[in-house]
Amino acid sequence: EMVLLPQWFPLHTQRLWCYARTVYMPMTWLYGKKYSCP
């Protein structure tokens, strides 16, 4: 949900260092889905 925060908010994902954002975004998606392989 951090991606839904207003862009001015200090913890918005666009404010993350590019490498951290590249890792964080897919991790949050998998976490949100609670994906586990069979």
Full PDB file with SEQRES, HELIX, SHEET, SSBOND, CRYST1, ORIGX, SCALE, CONECT and MASTER records, all heavy atoms in Angstrom:
SEQRES   1 A   38  GLU MET VAL LEU LEU PRO GLN TRP PHE PRO LEU HIS THR          
SEQRES   2 A   38  GLN ARG LEU TRP CYS TYR ALA ARG THR VAL TYR MET PRO          
SEQRES   3 A   38  MET THR TRP LEU TYR GLY LYS LYS TYR SER CYS PRO              
HELIX    1 AA1 MET A    2  LEU A    4  5                                   3    
HELIX    2 AA2 THR A   13  ARG A   15  5                                   3    
HELIX    3 AA3 CYS A   18  LYS A   33  1                                  16    
CRYST1    1.000    1.000    1.000  90.00  90.00  90.00 P 1           1          
ORIGX1      1.000000  0.000000  0.000000        0.00000                         
ORIGX2      0.000000  1.000000  0.000000        0.00000                         
ORIGX3      0.000000  0.000000  1.000000        0.00000                         
SCALE1      1.000000  0.000000  0.000000        0.00000                         
SCALE2      0.000000  1.000000  0.000000        0.00000                         
SCALE3      0.000000  0.000000  1.000000        0.00000                         
ATOM      1  N   GLU A   1       0.813  -1.225   0.000  1.00  0.00           N  
ATOM      2  CA  GLU A   1       0.000   0.000   0.000  1.00  0.00           C  
ATOM      3  C   GLU A   1       0.846   1.275   0.000  1.00  0.00           C  
ATOM      4  O   GLU A   1       0.333   2.359  -0.283  1.00  0.00           O  
ATOM      5  CB  GLU A   1      -0.941   0.022   1.216  1.00  0.00           C  
ATOM      6  CG  GLU A   1      -1.953  -1.105   1.246  1.00  0.00           C  
ATOM      7  CD  GLU A   1      -1.397  -2.394   1.855  1.00  0.00           C  
ATOM      8  OE1 GLU A   1      -0.228  -2.424   2.286  1.00  0.00           O  
ATOM      9  OE2 GLU A   1      -2.135  -3.381   1.895  1.00  0.00           O  
ATOM     10  N   MET A   2       2.148   1.153   0.294  1.00  0.00           N  
ATOM     11  CA  MET A   2       2.996   2.346   0.316  1.00  0.00           C  
ATOM     12  C   MET A   2       2.989   3.071  -1.031  1.00  0.00           C  
ATOM     13  O   MET A   2       3.168   4.283  -1.085  1.00  0.00           O  
ATOM     14  CB  MET A   2       4.423   2.001   0.724  1.00  0.00           C  
ATOM     15  CG  MET A   2       4.561   1.835   2.218  1.00  0.00           C  
ATOM     16  SD  MET A   2       6.222   1.393   2.764  1.00  0.00           S  
ATOM     17  CE  MET A   2       7.221   2.666   2.047  1.00  0.00           C  
ATOM     18  N   VAL A   3       2.749   2.346  -2.108  1.00  0.00           N  
ATOM     19  CA  VAL A   3       2.710   2.974  -3.424  1.00  0.00           C  
ATOM     20  C   VAL A   3       1.482   3.885  -3.551  1.00  0.00           C  
ATOM     21  O   VAL A   3       1.458   4.783  -4.394  1.00  0.00           O  
ATOM     22  CB  VAL A   3       2.758   1.909  -4.543  1.00  0.00           C  
ATOM     23  CG1 VAL A   3       1.449   1.179  -4.680  1.00  0.00           C  
ATOM     24  CG2 VAL A   3       3.188   2.515  -5.848  1.00  0.00           C  
ATOM     25  N   LEU A   4       0.477   3.686  -2.714  1.00  0.00           N  
ATOM     26  CA  LEU A   4      -0.744   4.487  -2.756  1.00  0.00           C  
ATOM     27  C   LEU A   4      -0.648   5.773  -1.931  1.00  0.00           C  
ATOM     28  O   LEU A   4      -1.545   6.616  -2.001  1.00  0.00           O  
ATOM     29  CB  LEU A   4      -1.934   3.654  -2.256  1.00  0.00           C  
ATOM     30  CG  LEU A   4      -2.216   2.366  -3.032  1.00  0.00           C  
ATOM     31  CD1 LEU A   4      -3.320   1.567  -2.345  1.00  0.00           C  
ATOM     32  CD2 LEU A   4      -2.573   2.673  -4.474  1.00  0.00           C  
ATOM     33  N   LEU A   5       0.426   5.930  -1.183  1.00  0.00           N  
ATOM     34  CA  LEU A   5       0.594   7.145  -0.384  1.00  0.00           C  
ATOM     35  C   LEU A   5       0.768   8.354  -1.307  1.00  0.00           C  
ATOM     36  O   LEU A   5       1.209   8.221  -2.448  1.00  0.00           O  
ATOM     37  CB  LEU A   5       1.835   7.010   0.512  1.00  0.00           C  
ATOM     38  CG  LEU A   5       1.763   5.967   1.620  1.00  0.00           C  
ATOM     39  CD1 LEU A   5       3.135   5.768   2.252  1.00  0.00           C  
ATOM     40  CD2 LEU A   5       0.748   6.375   2.668  1.00  0.00           C  
ATOM     41  N   PRO A   6       0.446   9.558  -0.826  1.00  0.00           N  
ATOM     42  CA  PRO A   6       0.712  10.746  -1.651  1.00  0.00           C  
ATOM     43  C   PRO A   6       2.212  10.872  -1.907  1.00  0.00           C  
ATOM     44  O   PRO A   6       3.024  10.523  -1.055  1.00  0.00           O  
ATOM     45  CB  PRO A   6       0.217  11.911  -0.784  1.00  0.00           C  
ATOM     46  CG  PRO A   6      -0.412  11.329   0.417  1.00  0.00           C  
ATOM     47  CD  PRO A   6      -0.150   9.868   0.461  1.00  0.00           C  
ATOM     48  N   GLN A   7       2.586  11.355  -3.072  1.00  0.00           N  
ATOM     49  CA  GLN A   7       4.004  11.412  -3.447  1.00  0.00           C  
ATOM     50  C   GLN A   7       4.819  12.311  -2.523  1.00  0.00           C  
ATOM     51  O   GLN A   7       6.024  12.125  -2.408  1.00  0.00           O  
ATOM     52  CB  GLN A   7       4.144  11.846  -4.898  1.00  0.00           C  
ATOM     53  CG  GLN A   7       3.684  10.763  -5.846  1.00  0.00           C  
ATOM     54  CD  GLN A   7       3.963  11.105  -7.301  1.00  0.00           C  
ATOM     55  OE1 GLN A   7       4.528  12.136  -7.607  1.00  0.00           O  
ATOM     56  NE2 GLN A   7       3.560  10.216  -8.181  1.00  0.00           N  
ATOM     57  N   TRP A   8       4.197  13.275  -1.848  1.00  0.00           N  
ATOM     58  CA  TRP A   8       4.934  14.150  -0.947  1.00  0.00           C  
ATOM     59  C   TRP A   8       5.314  13.444   0.355  1.00  0.00           C  
ATOM     60  O   TRP A   8       6.171  13.888   1.099  1.00  0.00           O  
ATOM     61  CB  TRP A   8       4.132  15.421  -0.630  1.00  0.00           C  
ATOM     62  CG  TRP A   8       2.767  15.166  -0.039  1.00  0.00           C  
ATOM     63  CD1 TRP A   8       1.595  15.152  -0.712  1.00  0.00           C  
ATOM     64  CD2 TRP A   8       2.445  14.868   1.323  1.00  0.00           C  
ATOM     65  NE1 TRP A   8       0.543  14.859   0.137  1.00  0.00           N  
ATOM     66  CE2 TRP A   8       1.058  14.686   1.409  1.00  0.00           C  
ATOM     67  CE3 TRP A   8       3.197  14.747   2.483  1.00  0.00           C  
ATOM     68  CZ2 TRP A   8       0.407  14.386   2.590  1.00  0.00           C  
ATOM     69  CZ3 TRP A   8       2.538  14.439   3.672  1.00  0.00           C  
ATOM     70  CH2 TRP A   8       1.164  14.268   3.719  1.00  0.00           C  
ATOM     71  N   PHE A   9       4.674  12.288   0.635  1.00  0.00           N  
ATOM     72  CA  PHE A   9       4.909  11.577   1.894  1.00  0.00           C  
ATOM     73  C   PHE A   9       6.337  11.012   1.914  1.00  0.00           C  
ATOM     74  O   PHE A   9       6.787  10.417   0.940  1.00  0.00           O  
ATOM     75  CB  PHE A   9       3.877  10.452   2.056  1.00  0.00           C  
ATOM     76  CG  PHE A   9       3.829   9.869   3.438  1.00  0.00           C  
ATOM     77  CD1 PHE A   9       3.227  10.565   4.477  1.00  0.00           C  
ATOM     78  CD2 PHE A   9       4.387   8.642   3.702  1.00  0.00           C  
ATOM     79  CE1 PHE A   9       3.175  10.044   5.755  1.00  0.00           C  
ATOM     80  CE2 PHE A   9       4.349   8.102   4.977  1.00  0.00           C  
ATOM     81  CZ  PHE A   9       3.738   8.808   6.012  1.00  0.00           C  
ATOM     82  N   PRO A  10       7.063  11.183   3.016  1.00  0.00           N  
ATOM     83  CA  PRO A  10       8.473  10.761   3.064  1.00  0.00           C  
ATOM     84  C   PRO A  10       8.726   9.279   2.781  1.00  0.00           C  
ATOM     85  O   PRO A  10       9.802   8.920   2.316  1.00  0.00           O  
ATOM     86  CB  PRO A  10       8.897  11.100   4.504  1.00  0.00           C  
ATOM     87  CG  PRO A  10       7.923  12.101   4.980  1.00  0.00           C  
ATOM     88  CD  PRO A  10       6.644  11.856   4.243  1.00  0.00           C  
ATOM     89  N   LEU A  11       7.750   8.415   3.032  1.00  0.00           N  
ATOM     90  CA  LEU A  11       7.955   6.978   2.818  1.00  0.00           C  
ATOM     91  C   LEU A  11       7.358   6.470   1.504  1.00  0.00           C  
ATOM     92  O   LEU A  11       7.268   5.258   1.301  1.00  0.00           O  
ATOM     93  CB  LEU A  11       7.365   6.176   3.983  1.00  0.00           C  
ATOM     94  CG  LEU A  11       8.039   6.402   5.339  1.00  0.00           C  
ATOM     95  CD1 LEU A  11       7.329   5.612   6.425  1.00  0.00           C  
ATOM     96  CD2 LEU A  11       9.506   6.042   5.287  1.00  0.00           C  
ATOM     97  N   HIS A  12       6.954   7.367   0.621  1.00  0.00           N  
ATOM     98  CA  HIS A  12       6.426   6.925  -0.675  1.00  0.00           C  
ATOM     99  C   HIS A  12       7.524   6.163  -1.417  1.00  0.00           C  
ATOM    100  O   HIS A  12       8.698   6.498  -1.337  1.00  0.00           O  
ATOM    101  CB  HIS A  12       5.949   8.123  -1.515  1.00  0.00           C  
ATOM    102  CG  HIS A  12       5.198   7.689  -2.731  1.00  0.00           C  
ATOM    103  ND1 HIS A  12       5.821   7.255  -3.878  1.00  0.00           N  
ATOM    104  CD2 HIS A  12       3.868   7.601  -2.973  1.00  0.00           C  
ATOM    105  CE1 HIS A  12       4.910   6.928  -4.783  1.00  0.00           C  
ATOM    106  NE2 HIS A  12       3.719   7.123  -4.249  1.00  0.00           N  
ATOM    107  N   THR A  13       7.132   5.130  -2.137  1.00  0.00           N  
ATOM    108  CA  THR A  13       8.112   4.275  -2.812  1.00  0.00           C  
ATOM    109  C   THR A  13       8.958   5.027  -3.837  1.00  0.00           C  
ATOM    110  O   THR A  13      10.089   4.630  -4.103  1.00  0.00           O  
ATOM    111  CB  THR A  13       7.410   3.080  -3.487  1.00  0.00           C  
ATOM    112  OG1 THR A  13       6.380   3.568  -4.330  1.00  0.00           O  
ATOM    113  CG2 THR A  13       6.840   2.137  -2.462  1.00  0.00           C  
ATOM    114  N   GLN A  14       8.453   6.117  -4.411  1.00  0.00           N  
ATOM    115  CA  GLN A  14       9.262   6.878  -5.360  1.00  0.00           C  
ATOM    116  C   GLN A  14      10.423   7.594  -4.674  1.00  0.00           C  
ATOM    117  O   GLN A  14      11.351   8.025  -5.331  1.00  0.00           O  
ATOM    118  CB  GLN A  14       8.401   7.892  -6.109  1.00  0.00           C  
ATOM    119  CG  GLN A  14       7.517   7.229  -7.137  1.00  0.00           C  
ATOM    120  CD  GLN A  14       6.775   8.256  -7.985  1.00  0.00           C  
ATOM    121  OE1 GLN A  14       6.605   9.402  -7.590  1.00  0.00           O  
ATOM    122  NE2 GLN A  14       6.322   7.822  -9.140  1.00  0.00           N  
ATOM    123  N   ARG A  15      10.359   7.706  -3.359  1.00  0.00           N  
ATOM    124  CA  ARG A  15      11.447   8.341  -2.616  1.00  0.00           C  
ATOM    125  C   ARG A  15      12.532   7.337  -2.208  1.00  0.00           C  
ATOM    126  O   ARG A  15      13.564   7.734  -1.671  1.00  0.00           O  
ATOM    127  CB  ARG A  15      10.904   9.046  -1.382  1.00  0.00           C  
ATOM    128  CG  ARG A  15      10.000  10.210  -1.720  1.00  0.00           C  
ATOM    129  CD  ARG A  15       9.552  10.918  -0.457  1.00  0.00           C  
ATOM    130  NE  ARG A  15       8.747  12.062  -0.782  1.00  0.00           N  
ATOM    131  CZ  ARG A  15       9.233  13.275  -1.022  1.00  0.00           C  
ATOM    132  NH1 ARG A  15      10.516  13.475  -0.965  1.00  0.00           N  
ATOM    133  NH2 ARG A  15       8.423  14.269  -1.313  1.00  0.00           N  
ATOM    134  N   LEU A  16      12.282   6.060  -2.426  1.00  0.00           N  
ATOM    135  CA  LEU A  16      13.296   5.051  -2.105  1.00  0.00           C  
ATOM    136  C   LEU A  16      14.434   5.128  -3.109  1.00  0.00           C  
ATOM    137  O   LEU A  16      14.234   5.456  -4.284  1.00  0.00           O  
ATOM    138  CB  LEU A  16      12.691   3.648  -2.144  1.00  0.00           C  
ATOM    139  CG  LEU A  16      11.623   3.310  -1.111  1.00  0.00           C  
ATOM    140  CD1 LEU A  16      11.045   1.933  -1.390  1.00  0.00           C  
ATOM    141  CD2 LEU A  16      12.193   3.371   0.290  1.00  0.00           C  
ATOM    142  N   TRP A  17      15.608   4.790  -2.651  1.00  0.00           N  
ATOM    143  CA  TRP A  17      16.768   4.675  -3.530  1.00  0.00           C  
ATOM    144  C   TRP A  17      16.399   3.684  -4.628  1.00  0.00           C  
ATOM    145  O   TRP A  17      15.721   2.677  -4.374  1.00  0.00           O  
ATOM    146  CB  TRP A  17      17.946   4.202  -2.698  1.00  0.00           C  
ATOM    147  CG  TRP A  17      19.267   4.142  -3.373  1.00  0.00           C  
ATOM    148  CD1 TRP A  17      19.789   5.049  -4.244  1.00  0.00           C  
ATOM    149  CD2 TRP A  17      20.261   3.128  -3.203  1.00  0.00           C  
ATOM    150  NE1 TRP A  17      21.045   4.670  -4.629  1.00  0.00           N  
ATOM    151  CE2 TRP A  17      21.356   3.482  -3.994  1.00  0.00           C  
ATOM    152  CE3 TRP A  17      20.324   1.958  -2.450  1.00  0.00           C  
ATOM    153  CZ2 TRP A  17      22.509   2.716  -4.074  1.00  0.00           C  
ATOM    154  CZ3 TRP A  17      21.475   1.206  -2.523  1.00  0.00           C  
ATOM    155  CH2 TRP A  17      22.548   1.582  -3.335  1.00  0.00           C  
ATOM    156  N   CYS A  18      16.809   3.932  -5.856  1.00  0.00           N  
ATOM    157  CA  CYS A  18      16.338   3.134  -6.995  1.00  0.00           C  
ATOM    158  C   CYS A  18      16.574   1.637  -6.797  1.00  0.00           C  
ATOM    159  O   CYS A  18      15.732   0.819  -7.153  1.00  0.00           O  
ATOM    160  CB  CYS A  18      16.944   3.630  -8.299  1.00  0.00           C  
ATOM    161  SG  CYS A  18      18.730   3.461  -8.408  1.00  0.00           S  
ATOM    162  N   TYR A  19      17.704   1.262  -6.206  1.00  0.00           N  
ATOM    163  CA  TYR A  19      17.993  -0.162  -6.007  1.00  0.00           C  
ATOM    164  C   TYR A  19      17.064  -0.760  -4.953  1.00  0.00           C  
ATOM    165  O   TYR A  19      16.599  -1.886  -5.087  1.00  0.00           O  
ATOM    166  CB  TYR A  19      19.456  -0.371  -5.618  1.00  0.00           C  
ATOM    167  CG  TYR A  19      20.399   0.130  -6.675  1.00  0.00           C  
ATOM    168  CD1 TYR A  19      21.156   1.268  -6.480  1.00  0.00           C  
ATOM    169  CD2 TYR A  19      20.500  -0.527  -7.895  1.00  0.00           C  
ATOM    170  CE1 TYR A  19      22.020   1.737  -7.454  1.00  0.00           C  
ATOM    171  CE2 TYR A  19      21.359  -0.070  -8.885  1.00  0.00           C  
ATOM    172  CZ  TYR A  19      22.106   1.066  -8.657  1.00  0.00           C  
ATOM    173  OH  TYR A  19      22.951   1.522  -9.630  1.00  0.00           O  
ATOM    174  N   ALA A  20      16.797   0.008  -3.908  1.00  0.00           N  
ATOM    175  CA  ALA A  20      15.872  -0.463  -2.874  1.00  0.00           C  
ATOM    176  C   ALA A  20      14.467  -0.605  -3.443  1.00  0.00           C  
ATOM    177  O   ALA A  20      13.763  -1.579  -3.162  1.00  0.00           O  
ATOM    178  CB  ALA A  20      15.870   0.505  -1.684  1.00  0.00           C  
ATOM    179  N   ARG A  21      14.058   0.351  -4.263  1.00  0.00           N  
ATOM    180  CA  ARG A  21      12.723   0.296  -4.872  1.00  0.00           C  
ATOM    181  C   ARG A  21      12.607  -0.911  -5.805  1.00  0.00           C  
ATOM    182  O   ARG A  21      11.588  -1.589  -5.832  1.00  0.00           O  
ATOM    183  CB  ARG A  21      12.437   1.606  -5.623  1.00  0.00           C  
ATOM    184  CG  ARG A  21      11.038   1.686  -6.179  1.00  0.00           C  
ATOM    185  CD  ARG A  21      10.725   3.048  -6.797  1.00  0.00           C  
ATOM    186  NE  ARG A  21      11.683   3.461  -7.797  1.00  0.00           N  
ATOM    187  CZ  ARG A  21      12.520   4.507  -7.688  1.00  0.00           C  
ATOM    188  NH1 ARG A  21      12.501   5.249  -6.600  1.00  0.00           N  
ATOM    189  NH2 ARG A  21      13.354   4.802  -8.639  1.00  0.00           N  
ATOM    190  N   THR A  22      13.650  -1.186  -6.553  1.00  0.00           N  
ATOM    191  CA  THR A  22      13.641  -2.315  -7.484  1.00  0.00           C  
ATOM    192  C   THR A  22      13.450  -3.643  -6.754  1.00  0.00           C  
ATOM    193  O   THR A  22      12.813  -4.549  -7.268  1.00  0.00           O  
ATOM    194  CB  THR A  22      14.969  -2.344  -8.287  1.00  0.00           C  
ATOM    195  OG1 THR A  22      15.084  -1.112  -8.995  1.00  0.00           O  
ATOM    196  CG2 THR A  22      15.013  -3.500  -9.239  1.00  0.00           C  
ATOM    197  N   VAL A  23      13.976  -3.743  -5.560  1.00  0.00           N  
ATOM    198  CA  VAL A  23      13.815  -4.957  -4.760  1.00  0.00           C  
ATOM    199  C   VAL A  23      12.500  -4.920  -3.988  1.00  0.00           C  
ATOM    200  O   VAL A  23      11.775  -5.918  -3.926  1.00  0.00           O  
ATOM    201  CB  VAL A  23      15.013  -5.122  -3.792  1.00  0.00           C  
ATOM    202  CG1 VAL A  23      14.768  -6.249  -2.815  1.00  0.00           C  
ATOM    203  CG2 VAL A  23      16.295  -5.344  -4.561  1.00  0.00           C  
ATOM    204  N   TYR A  24      12.182  -3.780  -3.410  1.00  0.00           N  
ATOM    205  CA  TYR A  24      11.026  -3.659  -2.527  1.00  0.00           C  
ATOM    206  C   TYR A  24       9.695  -3.901  -3.241  1.00  0.00           C  
ATOM    207  O   TYR A  24       8.823  -4.592  -2.715  1.00  0.00           O  
ATOM    208  CB  TYR A  24      11.017  -2.277  -1.861  1.00  0.00           C  
ATOM    209  CG  TYR A  24       9.908  -2.096  -0.872  1.00  0.00           C  
ATOM    210  CD1 TYR A  24      10.015  -2.624   0.411  1.00  0.00           C  
ATOM    211  CD2 TYR A  24       8.744  -1.411  -1.206  1.00  0.00           C  
ATOM    212  CE1 TYR A  24       8.991  -2.469   1.335  1.00  0.00           C  
ATOM    213  CE2 TYR A  24       7.718  -1.248  -0.289  1.00  0.00           C  
ATOM    214  CZ  TYR A  24       7.860  -1.787   0.975  1.00  0.00           C  
ATOM    215  OH  TYR A  24       6.839  -1.638   1.884  1.00  0.00           O  
ATOM    216  N   MET A  25       9.538  -3.352  -4.423  1.00  0.00           N  
ATOM    217  CA  MET A  25       8.239  -3.447  -5.105  1.00  0.00           C  
ATOM    218  C   MET A  25       7.839  -4.900  -5.409  1.00  0.00           C  
ATOM    219  O   MET A  25       6.723  -5.307  -5.072  1.00  0.00           O  
ATOM    220  CB  MET A  25       8.223  -2.580  -6.361  1.00  0.00           C  
ATOM    221  CG  MET A  25       8.328  -1.078  -6.065  1.00  0.00           C  
ATOM    222  SD  MET A  25       7.127  -0.473  -4.876  1.00  0.00           S  
ATOM    223  CE  MET A  25       5.628  -0.693  -5.791  1.00  0.00           C  
ATOM    224  N   PRO A  26       8.692  -5.706  -6.027  1.00  0.00           N  
ATOM    225  CA  PRO A  26       8.248  -7.100  -6.243  1.00  0.00           C  
ATOM    226  C   PRO A  26       8.086  -7.886  -4.938  1.00  0.00           C  
ATOM    227  O   PRO A  26       7.217  -8.747  -4.839  1.00  0.00           O  
ATOM    228  CB  PRO A  26       9.339  -7.706  -7.122  1.00  0.00           C  
ATOM    229  CG  PRO A  26      10.426  -6.727  -7.206  1.00  0.00           C  
ATOM    230  CD  PRO A  26       9.955  -5.424  -6.687  1.00  0.00           C  
ATOM    231  N   MET A  27       8.919  -7.561  -3.941  1.00  0.00           N  
ATOM    232  CA  MET A  27       8.772  -8.250  -2.657  1.00  0.00           C  
ATOM    233  C   MET A  27       7.423  -7.927  -2.030  1.00  0.00           C  
ATOM    234  O   MET A  27       6.772  -8.809  -1.463  1.00  0.00           O  
ATOM    235  CB  MET A  27       9.915  -7.869  -1.707  1.00  0.00           C  
ATOM    236  CG  MET A  27      11.239  -8.506  -2.068  1.00  0.00           C  
ATOM    237  SD  MET A  27      12.583  -7.984  -0.992  1.00  0.00           S  
ATOM    238  CE  MET A  27      12.233  -8.889   0.502  1.00  0.00           C  
ATOM    239  N   THR A  28       6.974  -6.680  -2.125  1.00  0.00           N  
ATOM    240  CA  THR A  28       5.685  -6.322  -1.532  1.00  0.00           C  
ATOM    241  C   THR A  28       4.532  -6.991  -2.270  1.00  0.00           C  
ATOM    242  O   THR A  28       3.544  -7.378  -1.650  1.00  0.00           O  
ATOM    243  CB  THR A  28       5.454  -4.798  -1.510  1.00  0.00           C  
ATOM    244  OG1 THR A  28       5.433  -4.297  -2.839  1.00  0.00           O  
ATOM    245  CG2 THR A  28       6.495  -4.091  -0.689  1.00  0.00           C  
ATOM    246  N   TRP A  29       4.672  -7.140  -3.577  1.00  0.00           N  
ATOM    247  CA  TRP A  29       3.626  -7.808  -4.348  1.00  0.00           C  
ATOM    248  C   TRP A  29       3.505  -9.264  -3.904  1.00  0.00           C  
ATOM    249  O   TRP A  29       2.397  -9.750  -3.642  1.00  0.00           O  
ATOM    250  CB  TRP A  29       3.908  -7.722  -5.853  1.00  0.00           C  
ATOM    251  CG  TRP A  29       2.785  -8.251  -6.681  1.00  0.00           C  
ATOM    252  CD1 TRP A  29       1.680  -7.581  -7.107  1.00  0.00           C  
ATOM    253  CD2 TRP A  29       2.637  -9.595  -7.174  1.00  0.00           C  
ATOM    254  NE1 TRP A  29       0.856  -8.406  -7.824  1.00  0.00           N  
ATOM    255  CE2 TRP A  29       1.426  -9.653  -7.879  1.00  0.00           C  
ATOM    256  CE3 TRP A  29       3.415 -10.746  -7.078  1.00  0.00           C  
ATOM    257  CZ2 TRP A  29       0.969 -10.811  -8.487  1.00  0.00           C  
ATOM    258  CZ3 TRP A  29       2.959 -11.904  -7.680  1.00  0.00           C  
ATOM    259  CH2 TRP A  29       1.746 -11.925  -8.378  1.00  0.00           C  
ATOM    260  N   LEU A  30       4.647  -9.966  -3.814  1.00  0.00           N  
ATOM    261  CA  LEU A  30       4.631 -11.363  -3.384  1.00  0.00           C  
ATOM    262  C   LEU A  30       4.122 -11.480  -1.952  1.00  0.00           C  
ATOM    263  O   LEU A  30       3.379 -12.398  -1.623  1.00  0.00           O  
ATOM    264  CB  LEU A  30       6.020 -11.990  -3.523  1.00  0.00           C  
ATOM    265  CG  LEU A  30       6.482 -12.222  -4.955  1.00  0.00           C  
ATOM    266  CD1 LEU A  30       7.966 -12.524  -4.997  1.00  0.00           C  
ATOM    267  CD2 LEU A  30       5.678 -13.328  -5.614  1.00  0.00           C  
ATOM    268  N   TYR A  31       4.523 -10.538  -1.090  1.00  0.00           N  
ATOM    269  CA  TYR A  31       4.045 -10.535   0.283  1.00  0.00           C  
ATOM    270  C   TYR A  31       2.528 -10.317   0.322  1.00  0.00           C  
ATOM    271  O   TYR A  31       1.807 -10.992   1.055  1.00  0.00           O  
ATOM    272  CB  TYR A  31       4.746  -9.461   1.113  1.00  0.00           C  
ATOM    273  CG  TYR A  31       4.235  -9.391   2.531  1.00  0.00           C  
ATOM    274  CD1 TYR A  31       4.731 -10.239   3.510  1.00  0.00           C  
ATOM    275  CD2 TYR A  31       3.224  -8.502   2.884  1.00  0.00           C  
ATOM    276  CE1 TYR A  31       4.255 -10.196   4.807  1.00  0.00           C  
ATOM    277  CE2 TYR A  31       2.735  -8.450   4.183  1.00  0.00           C  
ATOM    278  CZ  TYR A  31       3.252  -9.297   5.135  1.00  0.00           C  
ATOM    279  OH  TYR A  31       2.764  -9.262   6.414  1.00  0.00           O  
ATOM    280  N   GLY A  32       2.042  -9.369  -0.464  1.00  0.00           N  
ATOM    281  CA  GLY A  32       0.605  -9.098  -0.510  1.00  0.00           C  
ATOM    282  C   GLY A  32      -0.197 -10.306  -0.960  1.00  0.00           C  
ATOM    283  O   GLY A  32      -1.280 -10.582  -0.453  1.00  0.00           O  
ATOM    284  N   LYS A  33       0.332 -11.060  -1.906  1.00  0.00           N  
ATOM    285  CA  LYS A  33      -0.322 -12.280  -2.389  1.00  0.00           C  
ATOM    286  C   LYS A  33      -0.070 -13.467  -1.461  1.00  0.00           C  
ATOM    287  O   LYS A  33      -0.742 -14.489  -1.567  1.00  0.00           O  
ATOM    288  CB  LYS A  33       0.204 -12.647  -3.785  1.00  0.00           C  
ATOM    289  CG  LYS A  33      -0.188 -11.695  -4.878  1.00  0.00           C  
ATOM    290  CD  LYS A  33      -1.585 -11.980  -5.293  1.00  0.00           C  
ATOM    291  CE  LYS A  33      -1.932 -11.232  -6.563  1.00  0.00           C  
ATOM    292  NZ  LYS A  33      -3.297 -11.490  -6.966  1.00  0.00           N  
ATOM    293  N   LYS A  34       0.938 -13.340  -0.606  1.00  0.00           N  
ATOM    294  CA  LYS A  34       1.398 -14.457   0.240  1.00  0.00           C  
ATOM    295  C   LYS A  34       1.676 -15.678  -0.646  1.00  0.00           C  
ATOM    296  O   LYS A  34       1.316 -16.816  -0.324  1.00  0.00           O  
ATOM    297  CB  LYS A  34       0.381 -14.800   1.328  1.00  0.00           C  
ATOM    298  CG  LYS A  34       0.077 -13.674   2.277  1.00  0.00           C  
ATOM    299  CD  LYS A  34       1.180 -13.449   3.271  1.00  0.00           C  
ATOM    300  CE  LYS A  34       0.797 -12.579   4.431  1.00  0.00           C  
ATOM    301  NZ  LYS A  34       0.706 -11.177   4.196  1.00  0.00           N  
ATOM    302  N   TYR A  35       2.357 -15.394  -1.763  1.00  0.00           N  
ATOM    303  CA  TYR A  35       2.631 -16.463  -2.721  1.00  0.00           C  
ATOM    304  C   TYR A  35       3.623 -17.465  -2.142  1.00  0.00           C  
ATOM    305  O   TYR A  35       4.660 -17.092  -1.603  1.00  0.00           O  
ATOM    306  CB  TYR A  35       3.206 -15.909  -4.034  1.00  0.00           C  
ATOM    307  CG  TYR A  35       3.611 -17.034  -4.946  1.00  0.00           C  
ATOM    308  CD1 TYR A  35       2.664 -17.664  -5.734  1.00  0.00           C  
ATOM    309  CD2 TYR A  35       4.905 -17.523  -4.946  1.00  0.00           C  
ATOM    310  CE1 TYR A  35       3.004 -18.742  -6.522  1.00  0.00           C  
ATOM    311  CE2 TYR A  35       5.251 -18.603  -5.732  1.00  0.00           C  
ATOM    312  CZ  TYR A  35       4.304 -19.210  -6.522  1.00  0.00           C  
ATOM    313  OH  TYR A  35       4.640 -20.284  -7.282  1.00  0.00           O  
ATOM    314  N   SER A  36       3.309 -18.722  -2.261  1.00  0.00           N  
ATOM    315  CA  SER A  36       4.223 -19.815  -1.932  1.00  0.00           C  
ATOM    316  C   SER A  36       4.096 -20.856  -3.028  1.00  0.00           C  
ATOM    317  O   SER A  36       2.984 -21.135  -3.493  1.00  0.00           O  
ATOM    318  CB  SER A  36       3.876 -20.458  -0.590  1.00  0.00           C  
ATOM    319  OG  SER A  36       4.141 -19.585   0.470  1.00  0.00           O  
ATOM    320  N   CYS A  37       5.222 -21.423  -3.412  1.00  0.00           N  
ATOM    321  CA  CYS A  37       5.155 -22.458  -4.443  1.00  0.00           C  
ATOM    322  C   CYS A  37       4.436 -23.685  -3.876  1.00  0.00           C  
ATOM    323  O   CYS A  37       4.346 -23.857  -2.657  1.00  0.00           O  
ATOM    324  CB  CYS A  37       6.550 -22.800  -4.951  1.00  0.00           C  
ATOM    325  SG  CYS A  37       7.526 -23.874  -3.907  1.00  0.00           S  
ATOM    326  N   PRO A  38       3.926 -24.523  -4.737  1.00  0.00           N  
ATOM    327  CA  PRO A  38       3.230 -25.723  -4.256  1.00  0.00           C  
ATOM    328  C   PRO A  38       4.154 -26.611  -3.413  1.00  0.00           C  
ATOM    329  O   PRO A  38       5.370 -26.643  -3.636  1.00  0.00           O  
ATOM    330  CB  PRO A  38       2.827 -26.441  -5.547  1.00  0.00           C  
ATOM    331  CG  PRO A  38       2.839 -25.379  -6.602  1.00  0.00           C  
ATOM    332  CD  PRO A  38       3.895 -24.400  -6.185  1.00  0.00           C  
TER     333      PRO A  38                                                      
MASTER        0    0    0    3    0    0    0    6  332    1    0    3          
END                                                                             
